[in-house]
Amino acid sequence: MFLCGSKEKYRQSRDLHALEFHMGRATTLAADSPAYDQLVQLMEHLKACLEVATSRAANWQNFCLSSEPLVPFLFRASCSLDEGVCPTLLQLLQNAVCRPR
C-alpha cells in the first residue's frame, strides 16, 4: 500500500496483475480442445477472475477495456468449450458489459 499510495490503487494493481496471469493461462488452456484435467485448471483460472469481476467490477471492466481481444475470446469460448465452463464464461461476459450493482 505504501508503494501505491492508497488501498484502492493497491487493489487495482493487485487485480490487474492477477487478471493478466489468470486470463493468460485460461486463453492458453482453451486454445486446444482441452482434456478433462485442462478443463479443471481452466475453471480454476476463470473462477479466480470471476471473484475479482463480482467483488470489484470496475477493475474487471477496466481490464476488459485494456485487453481488446478478451471479450471476443470469452464469447467464442462460451460457444465452443464444454458446457460446464459456459456459465462462468457468461458471468464474466455479463460483468464485463453490465453496470455494477
Protein backbone atom coordinates (compact mmCIF):
# COMPACT_ATOMS: atom_id res chain seq x y z
CA MET A 1 0.00 0.00 0.00
CA PHE A 2 2.91 2.32 0.69
CA LEU A 3 4.14 1.98 -2.90
CA CYS A 4 0.72 2.50 -4.49
CA GLY A 5 -0.45 5.43 -2.37
CA SER A 6 -3.86 4.16 -1.36
CA LYS A 7 -5.75 0.99 -0.61
CA GLU A 8 -7.84 1.35 -3.78
CA LYS A 9 -4.78 1.80 -6.04
CA TYR A 10 -3.19 -1.22 -4.38
CA ARG A 11 -6.29 -3.32 -5.12
CA GLN A 12 -6.34 -2.12 -8.72
CA SER A 13 -2.68 -3.03 -9.18
CA ARG A 14 -3.12 -6.41 -7.50
CA ASP A 15 -6.27 -7.19 -9.50
CA LEU A 16 -4.64 -6.20 -12.79
CA HIS A 17 -1.70 -8.50 -12.14
CA ALA A 18 -3.96 -11.39 -11.07
CA LEU A 19 -6.29 -10.94 -14.06
CA GLU A 20 -3.38 -10.83 -16.51
CA PHE A 21 -1.97 -14.03 -15.02
CA HIS A 22 -5.24 -15.97 -14.83
CA MET A 23 -6.63 -14.90 -18.22
CA GLY A 24 -3.26 -15.60 -19.85
CA ARG A 25 -3.36 -19.14 -18.51
CA ALA A 26 -7.04 -19.52 -19.40
CA THR A 27 -6.51 -18.49 -23.02
CA THR A 28 -3.57 -20.89 -23.30
CA LEU A 29 -5.58 -23.78 -21.85
CA ALA A 30 -8.59 -23.04 -24.06
CA ALA A 31 -6.53 -22.82 -27.27
CA ASP A 32 -6.82 -26.54 -27.99
CA SER A 33 -9.78 -28.72 -27.27
CA PRO A 34 -8.86 -29.26 -23.62
CA ALA A 35 -8.90 -32.61 -21.89
CA TYR A 36 -10.62 -33.03 -18.52
CA ASP A 37 -7.54 -32.08 -16.47
CA GLN A 38 -7.08 -28.94 -18.56
CA LEU A 39 -10.76 -28.04 -18.12
CA VAL A 40 -10.35 -28.28 -14.35
CA GLN A 41 -7.33 -25.95 -14.49
CA LEU A 42 -9.22 -23.63 -16.84
CA MET A 43 -12.13 -23.43 -14.40
CA GLU A 44 -9.77 -22.56 -11.54
CA HIS A 45 -8.36 -19.64 -13.52
CA LEU A 46 -11.79 -18.47 -14.63
CA LYS A 47 -13.16 -18.65 -11.10
CA ALA A 48 -10.28 -16.51 -9.85
CA CYS A 49 -11.19 -13.93 -12.50
CA LEU A 50 -14.88 -14.18 -11.61
CA GLU A 51 -14.08 -13.47 -7.97
CA VAL A 52 -12.49 -10.15 -8.99
CA ALA A 53 -15.24 -9.44 -11.52
CA THR A 54 -18.00 -9.82 -8.95
CA SER A 55 -16.34 -8.14 -6.00
CA ARG A 56 -14.61 -5.28 -7.85
CA ALA A 57 -16.42 -4.98 -11.16
CA ALA A 58 -14.77 -1.69 -12.11
CA ASN A 59 -11.32 -3.33 -12.06
CA TRP A 60 -12.63 -6.18 -14.24
CA GLN A 61 -14.24 -3.77 -16.70
CA ASN A 62 -11.06 -1.68 -16.92
CA PHE A 63 -9.09 -4.86 -17.58
CA CYS A 64 -11.52 -5.86 -20.33
CA LEU A 65 -11.20 -2.42 -21.93
CA SER A 66 -7.42 -2.58 -21.87
CA SER A 67 -7.33 -6.10 -23.33
CA GLU A 68 -9.09 -5.78 -26.66
CA PRO A 69 -9.28 -9.50 -27.62
CA LEU A 70 -10.63 -10.56 -24.21
CA VAL A 71 -14.38 -10.10 -24.73
CA PRO A 72 -14.35 -11.85 -28.14
CA PHE A 73 -12.36 -14.69 -26.55
CA LEU A 74 -14.93 -15.05 -23.76
CA PHE A 75 -17.76 -15.10 -26.29
CA ARG A 76 -16.09 -17.66 -28.58
CA ALA A 77 -15.05 -19.84 -25.65
CA SER A 78 -18.58 -19.84 -24.22
CA CYS A 79 -19.83 -21.24 -27.53
CA SER A 80 -17.09 -23.78 -28.15
CA LEU A 81 -15.96 -25.17 -24.79
CA ASP A 82 -17.58 -27.75 -22.54
CA GLU A 83 -20.98 -26.83 -21.14
CA GLY A 84 -19.62 -26.94 -17.58
CA VAL A 85 -17.36 -23.96 -18.35
CA CYS A 86 -20.02 -21.86 -20.08
CA PRO A 87 -21.83 -20.43 -17.03
CA THR A 88 -18.59 -18.99 -15.66
CA LEU A 89 -17.66 -17.53 -19.04
CA LEU A 90 -21.11 -15.99 -19.39
CA GLN A 91 -20.90 -14.47 -15.91
CA LEU A 92 -17.55 -12.93 -16.86
CA LEU A 93 -19.11 -11.54 -20.04
CA GLN A 94 -22.05 -10.15 -18.12
CA ASN A 95 -19.77 -8.44 -15.61
CA ALA A 96 -17.72 -7.01 -18.47
CA VAL A 97 -20.65 -5.26 -20.14
CA CYS A 98 -23.20 -4.55 -17.39
CA ARG A 99 -23.13 -1.75 -14.86
CA PRO A 100 -22.07 -2.93 -11.39
CA ARG A 101 -24.91 -3.37 -8.89
